[in-house]
Amino acid sequence: MTEWWLTYLGPAQVGNIRGPRKQLTEDEVARDTELRAGFERVVDATGRTFLVERPATGS
């Protein structure tokens, strides 16, 4: 039963959402940039969202 509720309620939020944001390291920024460049967000006909690998370009 608990797992079913998690589908709708999700995990608990940790920390103060109104507090100051954590500074990102250069590694975290590089990883985020790489992920955004390598994947795109696609929504299917039912409204579900998926990350799909972008096709290789160039060579």
PDB file of N, CA and C in Angstrom:
ATOM      1  N   MET A   1       0.824  -1.191   0.000  1.00  0.00           N
ATOM      2  CA  MET A   1       0.000   0.000   0.000  1.00  0.00           C
ATOM      3  C   MET A   1       0.871   1.258   0.000  1.00  0.00           C
ATOM      4  N   THR A   2       1.953   1.220   0.770  1.00  0.00           N
ATOM      5  CA  THR A   2       2.822   2.393   0.851  1.00  0.00           C
ATOM      6  C   THR A   2       3.428   2.725  -0.507  1.00  0.00           C
ATOM      7  N   GLU A   3       3.871   1.708  -1.250  1.00  0.00           N
ATOM      8  CA  GLU A   3       4.457   1.951  -2.562  1.00  0.00           C
ATOM      9  C   GLU A   3       3.446   2.595  -3.502  1.00  0.00           C
ATOM     10  N   TRP A   4       2.185   2.210  -3.393  1.00  0.00           N
ATOM     11  CA  TRP A   4       1.146   2.800  -4.229  1.00  0.00           C
ATOM     12  C   TRP A   4       1.021   4.292  -3.941  1.00  0.00           C
ATOM     13  N   TRP A   5       1.049   4.678  -2.678  1.00  0.00           N
ATOM     14  CA  TRP A   5       0.955   6.096  -2.310  1.00  0.00           C
ATOM     15  C   TRP A   5       2.153   6.883  -2.820  1.00  0.00           C
ATOM     16  N   LEU A   6       3.336   6.260  -2.838  1.00  0.00           N
ATOM     17  CA  LEU A   6       4.523   6.956  -3.313  1.00  0.00           C
ATOM     18  C   LEU A   6       4.390   7.377  -4.773  1.00  0.00           C
ATOM     19  N   THR A   7       3.600   6.638  -5.539  1.00  0.00           N
ATOM     20  CA  THR A   7       3.358   7.011  -6.922  1.00  0.00           C
ATOM     21  C   THR A   7       2.768   8.408  -7.005  1.00  0.00           C
ATOM     22  N   TYR A   8       1.910   8.752  -6.071  1.00  0.00           N
ATOM     23  CA  TYR A   8       1.215  10.038  -6.095  1.00  0.00           C
ATOM     24  C   TYR A   8       1.842  11.084  -5.181  1.00  0.00           C
ATOM     25  N   LEU A   9       2.377  10.656  -4.067  1.00  0.00           N
ATOM     26  CA  LEU A   9       2.904  11.610  -3.102  1.00  0.00           C
ATOM     27  C   LEU A   9       4.406  11.809  -3.218  1.00  0.00           C
ATOM     28  N   GLY A  10       5.112  10.823  -3.746  1.00  0.00           N
ATOM     29  CA  GLY A  10       6.552  10.935  -3.927  1.00  0.00           C
ATOM     30  C   GLY A  10       7.310  10.924  -2.615  1.00  0.00           C
ATOM     31  N   PRO A  11       8.626  10.990  -2.701  1.00  0.00           N
ATOM     32  CA  PRO A  11       9.446  10.986  -1.487  1.00  0.00           C
ATOM     33  C   PRO A  11       9.324  12.320  -0.753  1.00  0.00           C
ATOM     34  N   ALA A  12       9.644  12.298   0.513  1.00  0.00           N
ATOM     35  CA  ALA A  12       9.594  13.515   1.318  1.00  0.00           C
ATOM     36  C   ALA A  12      10.656  14.500   0.854  1.00  0.00           C
ATOM     37  N   GLN A  13      10.351  15.779   0.953  1.00  0.00           N
ATOM     38  CA  GLN A  13      11.329  16.819   0.641  1.00  0.00           C
ATOM     39  C   GLN A  13      12.263  16.983   1.825  1.00  0.00           C
ATOM     40  N   VAL A  14      13.531  17.105   1.564  1.00  0.00           N
ATOM     41  CA  VAL A  14      14.521  17.236   2.619  1.00  0.00           C
ATOM     42  C   VAL A  14      15.132  18.627   2.533  1.00  0.00           C
ATOM     43  N   GLY A  15      15.215  19.295   3.653  1.00  0.00           N
ATOM     44  CA  GLY A  15      15.848  20.611   3.680  1.00  0.00           C
ATOM     45  C   GLY A  15      14.841  21.736   3.572  1.00  0.00           C
ATOM     46  N   ASN A  16      15.329  22.931   3.721  1.00  0.00           N
ATOM     47  CA  ASN A  16      14.500  24.125   3.665  1.00  0.00           C
ATOM     48  C   ASN A  16      14.434  24.616   2.224  1.00  0.00           C
ATOM     49  N   ILE A  17      13.266  24.553   1.603  1.00  0.00           N
ATOM     50  CA  ILE A  17      13.148  24.956   0.202  1.00  0.00           C
ATOM     51  C   ILE A  17      13.283  26.463   0.033  1.00  0.00           C
ATOM     52  N   ARG A  18      13.125  27.211   1.109  1.00  0.00           N
ATOM     53  CA  ARG A  18      13.263  28.666   1.036  1.00  0.00           C
ATOM     54  C   ARG A  18      14.677  29.131   1.379  1.00  0.00           C
ATOM     55  N   GLY A  19      15.524  28.195   1.780  1.00  0.00           N
ATOM     56  CA  GLY A  19      16.894  28.527   2.166  1.00  0.00           C
ATOM     57  C   GLY A  19      17.765  28.830   0.961  1.00  0.00           C
ATOM     58  N   PRO A  20      18.978  29.289   1.206  1.00  0.00           N
ATOM     59  CA  PRO A  20      19.893  29.586   0.096  1.00  0.00           C
ATOM     60  C   PRO A  20      20.259  28.319  -0.675  1.00  0.00           C
ATOM     61  N   ARG A  21      20.430  28.482  -1.966  1.00  0.00           N
ATOM     62  CA  ARG A  21      20.766  27.347  -2.828  1.00  0.00           C
ATOM     63  C   ARG A  21      22.235  26.984  -2.683  1.00  0.00           C
ATOM     64  N   LYS A  22      22.514  25.700  -2.858  1.00  0.00           N
ATOM     65  CA  LYS A  22      23.887  25.194  -2.793  1.00  0.00           C
ATOM     66  C   LYS A  22      24.634  25.617  -4.055  1.00  0.00           C
ATOM     67  N   GLN A  23      25.863  26.042  -3.893  1.00  0.00           N
ATOM     68  CA  GLN A  23      26.705  26.370  -5.037  1.00  0.00           C
ATOM     69  C   GLN A  23      27.120  25.076  -5.728  1.00  0.00           C
ATOM     70  N   LEU A  24      26.985  25.033  -7.044  1.00  0.00           N
ATOM     71  CA  LEU A  24      27.359  23.847  -7.803  1.00  0.00           C
ATOM     72  C   LEU A  24      28.848  23.855  -8.092  1.00  0.00           C
ATOM     73  N   THR A  25      29.435  22.669  -8.064  1.00  0.00           N
ATOM     74  CA  THR A  25      30.851  22.546  -8.411  1.00  0.00           C
ATOM     75  C   THR A  25      30.984  22.528  -9.933  1.00  0.00           C
ATOM     76  N   GLU A  26      32.193  22.717 -10.413  1.00  0.00           N
ATOM     77  CA  GLU A  26      32.437  22.672 -11.860  1.00  0.00           C
ATOM     78  C   GLU A  26      32.094  21.297 -12.427  1.00  0.00           C
ATOM     79  N   ASP A  27      32.361  20.235 -11.663  1.00  0.00           N
ATOM     80  CA  ASP A  27      32.033  18.874 -12.109  1.00  0.00           C
ATOM     81  C   ASP A  27      30.528  18.696 -12.269  1.00  0.00           C
ATOM     82  N   GLU A  28      29.751  19.230 -11.329  1.00  0.00           N
ATOM     83  CA  GLU A  28      28.294  19.115 -11.403  1.00  0.00           C
ATOM     84  C   GLU A  28      27.742  19.886 -12.599  1.00  0.00           C
ATOM     85  N   VAL A  29      28.275  21.066 -12.842  1.00  0.00           N
ATOM     86  CA  VAL A  29      27.837  21.865 -13.989  1.00  0.00           C
ATOM     87  C   VAL A  29      28.193  21.160 -15.292  1.00  0.00           C
ATOM     88  N   ALA A  30      29.401  20.592 -15.371  1.00  0.00           N
ATOM     89  CA  ALA A  30      29.825  19.874 -16.579  1.00  0.00           C
ATOM     90  C   ALA A  30      28.941  18.654 -16.825  1.00  0.00           C
ATOM     91  N   ARG A  31      28.610  17.924 -15.769  1.00  0.00           N
ATOM     92  CA  ARG A  31      27.752  16.741 -15.914  1.00  0.00           C
ATOM     93  C   ARG A  31      26.361  17.143 -16.392  1.00  0.00           C
ATOM     94  N   ASP A  32      25.808  18.215 -15.835  1.00  0.00           N
ATOM     95  CA  ASP A  32      24.493  18.691 -16.245  1.00  0.00           C
ATOM     96  C   ASP A  32      24.502  19.104 -17.715  1.00  0.00           C
ATOM     97  N   THR A  33      25.535  19.813 -18.122  1.00  0.00           N
ATOM     98  CA  THR A  33      25.654  20.246 -19.515  1.00  0.00           C
ATOM     99  C   THR A  33      25.742  19.048 -20.453  1.00  0.00           C
ATOM    100  N   GLU A  34      26.524  18.046 -20.057  1.00  0.00           N
ATOM    101  CA  GLU A  34      26.673  16.836 -20.875  1.00  0.00           C
ATOM    102  C   GLU A  34      25.339  16.085 -20.998  1.00  0.00           C
ATOM    103  N   LEU A  35      24.608  15.973 -19.901  1.00  0.00           N
ATOM    104  CA  LEU A  35      23.317  15.283 -19.936  1.00  0.00           C
ATOM    105  C   LEU A  35      22.311  16.031 -20.806  1.00  0.00           C
ATOM    106  N   ARG A  36      22.271  17.347 -20.687  1.00  0.00           N
ATOM    107  CA  ARG A  36      21.333  18.135 -21.496  1.00  0.00           C
ATOM    108  C   ARG A  36      21.668  18.055 -22.980  1.00  0.00           C
ATOM    109  N   ALA A  37      22.966  17.950 -23.299  1.00  0.00           N
ATOM    110  CA  ALA A  37      23.380  17.850 -24.696  1.00  0.00           C
ATOM    111  C   ALA A  37      23.122  16.451 -25.259  1.00  0.00           C
ATOM    112  N   GLY A  38      23.153  15.420 -24.418  1.00  0.00           N
ATOM    113  CA  GLY A  38      23.032  14.045 -24.890  1.00  0.00           C
ATOM    114  C   GLY A  38      21.621  13.491 -24.912  1.00  0.00           C
ATOM    115  N   PHE A  39      20.700  14.149 -24.208  1.00  0.00           N
ATOM    116  CA  PHE A  39      19.333  13.642 -24.122  1.00  0.00           C
ATOM    117  C   PHE A  39      18.328  14.755 -24.370  1.00  0.00           C
ATOM    118  N   GLU A  40      17.143  14.364 -24.813  1.00  0.00           N
ATOM    119  CA  GLU A  40      16.053  15.323 -24.927  1.00  0.00           C
ATOM    120  C   GLU A  40      14.824  14.756 -24.240  1.00  0.00           C
ATOM    121  N   ARG A  41      14.005  15.631 -23.727  1.00  0.00           N
ATOM    122  CA  ARG A  41      12.791  15.240 -23.018  1.00  0.00           C
ATOM    123  C   ARG A  41      11.668  15.103 -24.040  1.00  0.00           C
ATOM    124  N   VAL A  42      10.994  13.947 -24.049  1.00  0.00           N
ATOM    125  CA  VAL A  42       9.922  13.662 -24.997  1.00  0.00           C
ATOM    126  C   VAL A  42       8.671  13.294 -24.210  1.00  0.00           C
ATOM    127  N   VAL A  43       7.519  13.827 -24.626  1.00  0.00           N
ATOM    128  CA  VAL A  43       6.244  13.514 -23.987  1.00  0.00           C
ATOM    129  C   VAL A  43       5.436  12.665 -24.957  1.00  0.00           C
ATOM    130  N   ASP A  44       4.949  11.494 -24.476  1.00  0.00           N
ATOM    131  CA  ASP A  44       4.164  10.630 -25.360  1.00  0.00           C
ATOM    132  C   ASP A  44       2.695  11.051 -25.345  1.00  0.00           C
ATOM    133  N   ALA A  45       1.866  10.330 -26.078  1.00  0.00           N
ATOM    134  CA  ALA A  45       0.454  10.683 -26.229  1.00  0.00           C
ATOM    135  C   ALA A  45      -0.319  10.643 -24.915  1.00  0.00           C
ATOM    136  N   THR A  46       0.152   9.860 -23.947  1.00  0.00           N
ATOM    137  CA  THR A  46      -0.549   9.774 -22.662  1.00  0.00           C
ATOM    138  C   THR A  46      -0.082  10.836 -21.679  1.00  0.00           C
ATOM    139  N   GLY A  47       0.938  11.609 -22.055  1.00  0.00           N
ATOM    140  CA  GLY A  47       1.440  12.658 -21.182  1.00  0.00           C
ATOM    141  C   GLY A  47       2.647  12.267 -20.354  1.00  0.00           C
ATOM    142  N   ARG A  48       3.112  11.020 -20.494  1.00  0.00           N
ATOM    143  CA  ARG A  48       4.310  10.590 -19.760  1.00  0.00           C
ATOM    144  C   ARG A  48       5.546  11.211 -20.393  1.00  0.00           C
ATOM    145  N   THR A  49       6.519  11.538 -19.562  1.00  0.00           N
ATOM    146  CA  THR A  49       7.753  12.165 -20.027  1.00  0.00           C
ATOM    147  C   THR A  49       8.896  11.163 -19.981  1.00  0.00           C
ATOM    148  N   PHE A  50       9.688  11.143 -21.047  1.00  0.00           N
ATOM    149  CA  PHE A  50      10.831  10.247 -21.152  1.00  0.00           C
ATOM    150  C   PHE A  50      12.058  11.047 -21.562  1.00  0.00           C
ATOM    151  N   LEU A  51      13.234  10.566 -21.159  1.00  0.00           N
ATOM    152  CA  LEU A  51      14.482  11.108 -21.680  1.00  0.00           C
ATOM    153  C   LEU A  51      14.946  10.173 -22.781  1.00  0.00           C
ATOM    154  N   VAL A  52      15.196  10.736 -23.951  1.00  0.00           N
ATOM    155  CA  VAL A  52      15.591   9.956 -25.115  1.00  0.00           C
ATOM    156  C   VAL A  52      16.954  10.453 -25.576  1.00  0.00           C
ATOM    157  N   GLU A  53      17.845   9.509 -25.862  1.00  0.00           N
ATOM    158  CA  GLU A  53      19.177   9.877 -26.324  1.00  0.00           C
ATOM    159  C   GLU A  53      19.081  10.575 -27.675  1.00  0.00           C
ATOM    160  N   ARG A  54      19.773  11.690 -27.797  1.00  0.00           N
ATOM    161  CA  ARG A  54      19.782  12.420 -29.072  1.00  0.00           C
ATOM    162  C   ARG A  54      20.588  11.623 -30.097  1.00  0.00           C
ATOM    163  N   PRO A  55      20.161  11.643 -31.353  1.00  0.00           N
ATOM    164  CA  PRO A  55      20.932  10.931 -32.382  1.00  0.00           C
ATOM    165  C   PRO A  55      22.292  11.593 -32.577  1.00  0.00           C
ATOM    166  N   ALA A  56      23.285  10.789 -32.924  1.00  0.00           N
ATOM    167  CA  ALA A  56      24.632  11.313 -33.175  1.00  0.00           C
ATOM    168  C   ALA A  56      24.600  12.196 -34.413  1.00  0.00           C
ATOM    169  N   THR A  57      25.313  13.320 -34.355  1.00  0.00           N
ATOM    170  CA  THR A  57      25.354  14.234 -35.497  1.00  0.00           C
ATOM    171  C   THR A  57      26.776  14.324 -36.022  1.00  0.00           C
ATOM    172  N   GLY A  58      26.906  14.819 -37.217  1.00  0.00           N
ATOM    173  CA  GLY A  58      28.241  15.030 -37.779  1.00  0.00           C
ATOM    174  C   GLY A  58      28.745  13.840 -38.554  1.00  0.00           C
ATOM    175  N   SER A  59      29.929  13.385 -38.199  1.00  0.00           N
ATOM    176  CA  SER A  59      30.633  12.339 -38.934  1.00  0.00           C
ATOM    177  C   SER A  59      29.712  11.239 -39.282  1.00  0.00           C
TER     178      SER A  59
END
